[in-house]
Amino acid sequence: MPEIERLTITMPPELAAVVRQAVETGDYASTSEVVRAALRDWKLKRALQIEELAALKADIDKGLADVAAGRVKDFDTDRIIARGRKLLADRSPSA
């Protein structure tokens, strides 16, 4: 059996009620099981956030490198708006 460490946690009454209700309805066998499941979900969500942040940082670094190397275009608001309108029109169902 894996080693278990006991922790004491505090939470607002609303969250404590949600945990107790999950046990009372039989969704979980114990409050510890509820907390472990929540922590597993948080761990997965956090890993995804870290991956997304790393990808965003890589995109920013690429963009900054492009600017430094002179690989940029003039900012043309009208062209961007026209392109957006065309993309929206192409997605709209035919009338």
N, C-alpha and C. Protein backbone atom coordinates (compact mmCIF):
# COMPACT_ATOMS: atom_id res chain seq x y z
N MET A 1 0.85 -1.18 0.00
CA MET A 1 0.00 0.00 0.00
C MET A 1 0.90 1.25 0.00
N PRO A 2 0.55 2.25 -0.81
CA PRO A 2 1.37 3.45 -0.85
C PRO A 2 1.32 4.20 0.47
N GLU A 3 2.38 4.94 0.73
CA GLU A 3 2.44 5.73 1.96
C GLU A 3 1.38 6.83 1.91
N ILE A 4 0.72 7.07 3.01
CA ILE A 4 -0.33 8.08 3.11
C ILE A 4 0.12 9.16 4.09
N GLU A 5 -0.10 10.39 3.71
CA GLU A 5 0.21 11.51 4.61
C GLU A 5 -1.09 12.21 4.97
N ARG A 6 -1.27 12.46 6.23
CA ARG A 6 -2.48 13.11 6.71
C ARG A 6 -2.27 14.62 6.69
N LEU A 7 -3.23 15.33 6.10
CA LEU A 7 -3.22 16.79 6.07
C LEU A 7 -4.52 17.30 6.67
N THR A 8 -4.46 18.45 7.28
CA THR A 8 -5.65 19.12 7.76
C THR A 8 -5.89 20.32 6.87
N ILE A 9 -7.10 20.44 6.35
CA ILE A 9 -7.41 21.57 5.47
C ILE A 9 -8.58 22.36 6.05
N THR A 10 -8.64 23.62 5.67
CA THR A 10 -9.78 24.45 6.04
C THR A 10 -10.42 24.96 4.76
N MET A 11 -11.72 25.13 4.81
CA MET A 11 -12.45 25.62 3.64
C MET A 11 -13.70 26.33 4.10
N PRO A 12 -14.26 27.17 3.23
CA PRO A 12 -15.50 27.86 3.59
C PRO A 12 -16.64 26.85 3.81
N PRO A 13 -17.61 27.22 4.62
CA PRO A 13 -18.72 26.30 4.90
C PRO A 13 -19.44 25.81 3.64
N GLU A 14 -19.52 26.65 2.62
CA GLU A 14 -20.21 26.24 1.38
C GLU A 14 -19.49 25.07 0.72
N LEU A 15 -18.16 25.13 0.67
CA LEU A 15 -17.40 24.04 0.07
C LEU A 15 -17.45 22.79 0.95
N ALA A 16 -17.37 22.98 2.25
CA ALA A 16 -17.47 21.84 3.16
C ALA A 16 -18.80 21.13 2.98
N ALA A 17 -19.87 21.89 2.78
CA ALA A 17 -21.20 21.29 2.57
C ALA A 17 -21.23 20.50 1.27
N VAL A 18 -20.59 21.01 0.24
CA VAL A 18 -20.54 20.29 -1.04
C VAL A 18 -19.79 18.97 -0.86
N VAL A 19 -18.69 18.98 -0.13
CA VAL A 19 -17.92 17.76 0.11
C VAL A 19 -18.76 16.76 0.89
N ARG A 20 -19.39 17.22 1.97
CA ARG A 20 -20.22 16.32 2.78
C ARG A 20 -21.38 15.74 1.95
N GLN A 21 -21.98 16.57 1.12
CA GLN A 21 -23.10 16.10 0.30
C GLN A 21 -22.65 15.03 -0.70
N ALA A 22 -21.45 15.21 -1.26
CA ALA A 22 -20.93 14.21 -2.20
C ALA A 22 -20.77 12.86 -1.51
N VAL A 23 -20.39 12.86 -0.25
CA VAL A 23 -20.25 11.62 0.51
C VAL A 23 -21.63 11.07 0.88
N GLU A 24 -22.51 11.95 1.36
CA GLU A 24 -23.84 11.52 1.80
C GLU A 24 -24.66 10.91 0.66
N THR A 25 -24.49 11.43 -0.56
CA THR A 25 -25.25 10.90 -1.70
C THR A 25 -24.62 9.64 -2.27
N GLY A 26 -23.46 9.27 -1.76
CA GLY A 26 -22.81 8.05 -2.20
C GLY A 26 -21.90 8.22 -3.41
N ASP A 27 -21.71 9.44 -3.86
CA ASP A 27 -20.81 9.66 -4.99
C ASP A 27 -19.36 9.32 -4.62
N TYR A 28 -19.03 9.53 -3.36
CA TYR A 28 -17.68 9.25 -2.85
C TYR A 28 -17.82 8.52 -1.52
N ALA A 29 -16.81 7.72 -1.19
CA ALA A 29 -16.86 6.95 0.05
C ALA A 29 -16.46 7.78 1.26
N SER A 30 -15.67 8.82 1.05
CA SER A 30 -15.20 9.63 2.18
C SER A 30 -14.84 11.04 1.71
N THR A 31 -14.72 11.92 2.69
CA THR A 31 -14.31 13.28 2.36
C THR A 31 -12.90 13.29 1.76
N SER A 32 -12.06 12.41 2.24
CA SER A 32 -10.71 12.32 1.68
C SER A 32 -10.74 11.96 0.20
N GLU A 33 -11.66 11.06 -0.16
CA GLU A 33 -11.78 10.66 -1.55
C GLU A 33 -12.23 11.84 -2.42
N VAL A 34 -13.13 12.67 -1.91
CA VAL A 34 -13.58 13.86 -2.65
C VAL A 34 -12.40 14.80 -2.89
N VAL A 35 -11.63 15.04 -1.84
CA VAL A 35 -10.50 15.96 -1.95
C VAL A 35 -9.44 15.39 -2.90
N ARG A 36 -9.17 14.10 -2.83
CA ARG A 36 -8.19 13.48 -3.74
C ARG A 36 -8.64 13.62 -5.19
N ALA A 37 -9.93 13.38 -5.45
CA ALA A 37 -10.45 13.51 -6.82
C ALA A 37 -10.33 14.96 -7.31
N ALA A 38 -10.65 15.90 -6.44
CA ALA A 38 -10.54 17.31 -6.81
C ALA A 38 -9.10 17.69 -7.11
N LEU A 39 -8.18 17.17 -6.31
CA LEU A 39 -6.76 17.48 -6.54
C LEU A 39 -6.25 16.84 -7.82
N ARG A 40 -6.71 15.64 -8.14
CA ARG A 40 -6.32 15.02 -9.42
C ARG A 40 -6.81 15.86 -10.59
N ASP A 41 -8.06 16.32 -10.52
CA ASP A 41 -8.61 17.18 -11.57
C ASP A 41 -7.82 18.48 -11.67
N TRP A 42 -7.50 19.08 -10.54
CA TRP A 42 -6.72 20.32 -10.53
C TRP A 42 -5.34 20.10 -11.15
N LYS A 43 -4.73 18.97 -10.82
CA LYS A 43 -3.40 18.67 -11.34
C LYS A 43 -3.43 18.58 -12.87
N LEU A 44 -4.44 17.92 -13.42
CA LEU A 44 -4.57 17.82 -14.88
C LEU A 44 -4.82 19.20 -15.50
N LYS A 45 -5.72 19.96 -14.89
CA LYS A 45 -6.03 21.30 -15.41
C LYS A 45 -4.79 22.19 -15.36
N ARG A 46 -4.05 22.11 -14.30
CA ARG A 46 -2.83 22.92 -14.15
C ARG A 46 -1.79 22.54 -15.19
N ALA A 47 -1.65 21.24 -15.47
CA ALA A 47 -0.69 20.79 -16.48
C ALA A 47 -1.07 21.36 -17.85
N LEU A 48 -2.37 21.37 -18.16
CA LEU A 48 -2.82 21.94 -19.43
C LEU A 48 -2.55 23.45 -19.48
N GLN A 49 -2.78 24.14 -18.37
CA GLN A 49 -2.51 25.57 -18.32
C GLN A 49 -1.03 25.85 -18.56
N ILE A 50 -0.17 25.05 -17.97
CA ILE A 50 1.27 25.23 -18.14
C ILE A 50 1.67 24.99 -19.59
N GLU A 51 1.10 23.96 -20.23
CA GLU A 51 1.38 23.70 -21.65
C GLU A 51 0.92 24.86 -22.52
N GLU A 52 -0.30 25.35 -22.26
CA GLU A 52 -0.83 26.47 -23.04
C GLU A 52 0.02 27.73 -22.86
N LEU A 53 0.46 27.98 -21.64
CA LEU A 53 1.30 29.14 -21.37
C LEU A 53 2.64 29.01 -22.09
N ALA A 54 3.22 27.82 -22.10
CA ALA A 54 4.49 27.60 -22.80
C ALA A 54 4.32 27.84 -24.30
N ALA A 55 3.20 27.36 -24.87
CA ALA A 55 2.94 27.58 -26.30
C ALA A 55 2.77 29.07 -26.59
N LEU A 56 2.06 29.78 -25.72
CA LEU A 56 1.87 31.21 -25.90
C LEU A 56 3.20 31.96 -25.83
N LYS A 57 4.04 31.59 -24.86
CA LYS A 57 5.36 32.22 -24.75
C LYS A 57 6.20 31.95 -25.99
N ALA A 58 6.11 30.73 -26.54
CA ALA A 58 6.85 30.40 -27.76
C ALA A 58 6.35 31.25 -28.93
N ASP A 59 5.04 31.45 -29.03
CA ASP A 59 4.48 32.30 -30.09
C ASP A 59 4.95 33.74 -29.93
N ILE A 60 4.98 34.23 -28.71
CA ILE A 60 5.45 35.59 -28.46
C ILE A 60 6.92 35.73 -28.84
N ASP A 61 7.72 34.75 -28.43
CA ASP A 61 9.15 34.78 -28.79
C ASP A 61 9.34 34.77 -30.30
N LYS A 62 8.55 33.96 -31.00
CA LYS A 62 8.63 33.90 -32.47
C LYS A 62 8.25 35.25 -33.06
N GLY A 63 7.20 35.85 -32.54
CA GLY A 63 6.78 37.16 -33.04
C GLY A 63 7.84 38.23 -32.79
N LEU A 64 8.44 38.21 -31.62
CA LEU A 64 9.49 39.18 -31.31
C LEU A 64 10.71 38.97 -32.20
N ALA A 65 11.03 37.70 -32.48
CA ALA A 65 12.15 37.40 -33.38
C ALA A 65 11.85 37.90 -34.79
N ASP A 66 10.60 37.73 -35.23
CA ASP A 66 10.20 38.24 -36.56
C ASP A 66 10.35 39.75 -36.62
N VAL A 67 9.92 40.44 -35.58
CA VAL A 67 10.05 41.90 -35.55
C VAL A 67 11.53 42.30 -35.60
N ALA A 68 12.35 41.63 -34.78
CA ALA A 68 13.78 41.95 -34.74
C ALA A 68 14.46 41.70 -36.08
N ALA A 69 13.98 40.69 -36.82
CA ALA A 69 14.56 40.36 -38.12
C ALA A 69 13.94 41.17 -39.25
N GLY A 70 12.98 42.03 -38.93
CA GLY A 70 12.35 42.86 -39.96
C GLY A 70 11.27 42.15 -40.75
N ARG A 71 10.83 41.01 -40.28
CA ARG A 71 9.76 40.27 -40.98
C ARG A 71 8.41 40.73 -40.46
N VAL A 72 8.03 41.94 -40.85
CA VAL A 72 6.76 42.52 -40.40
C VAL A 72 6.04 43.15 -41.57
N LYS A 73 4.75 43.35 -41.43
CA LYS A 73 3.94 44.04 -42.43
C LYS A 73 3.31 45.25 -41.78
N ASP A 74 2.97 46.21 -42.59
CA ASP A 74 2.26 47.38 -42.07
C ASP A 74 0.90 46.94 -41.54
N PHE A 75 0.48 47.57 -40.48
CA PHE A 75 -0.82 47.27 -39.86
C PHE A 75 -1.89 48.00 -40.66
N ASP A 76 -2.75 47.26 -41.34
CA ASP A 76 -3.80 47.84 -42.19
C ASP A 76 -5.16 47.43 -41.64
N THR A 77 -5.75 48.32 -40.86
CA THR A 77 -7.03 48.03 -40.21
C THR A 77 -8.11 47.68 -41.21
N ASP A 78 -8.20 48.42 -42.29
CA ASP A 78 -9.24 48.16 -43.29
C ASP A 78 -9.10 46.77 -43.90
N ARG A 79 -7.86 46.36 -44.17
CA ARG A 79 -7.63 45.03 -44.74
C ARG A 79 -8.03 43.94 -43.74
N ILE A 80 -7.73 44.15 -42.48
CA ILE A 80 -8.07 43.17 -41.45
C ILE A 80 -9.58 43.05 -41.30
N ILE A 81 -10.27 44.19 -41.29
CA ILE A 81 -11.73 44.18 -41.17
C ILE A 81 -12.36 43.49 -42.38
N ALA A 82 -11.86 43.80 -43.57
CA ALA A 82 -12.41 43.19 -44.79
C ALA A 82 -12.19 41.67 -44.76
N ARG A 83 -11.02 41.25 -44.33
CA ARG A 83 -10.74 39.82 -44.26
C ARG A 83 -11.66 39.14 -43.25
N GLY A 84 -11.87 39.78 -42.09
CA GLY A 84 -12.77 39.22 -41.08
C GLY A 84 -14.19 39.11 -41.58
N ARG A 85 -14.64 40.12 -42.28
CA ARG A 85 -16.01 40.08 -42.83
C ARG A 85 -16.15 38.97 -43.86
N LYS A 86 -15.12 38.78 -44.69
CA LYS A 86 -15.17 37.71 -45.69
C LYS A 86 -15.19 36.34 -45.00
N LEU A 87 -14.37 36.17 -43.96
CA LEU A 87 -14.37 34.89 -43.24
C LEU A 87 -15.74 34.62 -42.62
N LEU A 88 -16.36 35.65 -42.05
CA LEU A 88 -17.69 35.48 -41.46
C LEU A 88 -18.73 35.15 -42.53
N ALA A 89 -18.64 35.85 -43.66
CA ALA A 89 -19.59 35.60 -44.74
C ALA A 89 -19.45 34.18 -45.27
N ASP A 90 -18.21 33.70 -45.36
CA ASP A 90 -17.98 32.33 -45.85
C ASP A 90 -18.53 31.29 -44.89
N ARG A 91 -18.60 31.62 -43.61
CA ARG A 91 -19.12 30.68 -42.61
C ARG A 91 -20.64 30.71 -42.51
N SER A 92 -21.25 31.80 -42.91
CA SER A 92 -22.70 31.95 -42.77
C SER A 92 -23.41 31.00 -43.72
N PRO A 93 -24.51 30.37 -43.24
CA PRO A 93 -25.28 29.48 -44.12
C PRO A 93 -25.95 30.30 -45.21
N SER A 94 -26.09 29.70 -46.35
CA SER A 94 -26.75 30.38 -47.49
C SER A 94 -28.20 30.65 -47.17
N ALA A 95 -28.66 31.80 -47.62
CA ALA A 95 -30.07 32.16 -47.36
C ALA A 95 -30.97 31.66 -48.44
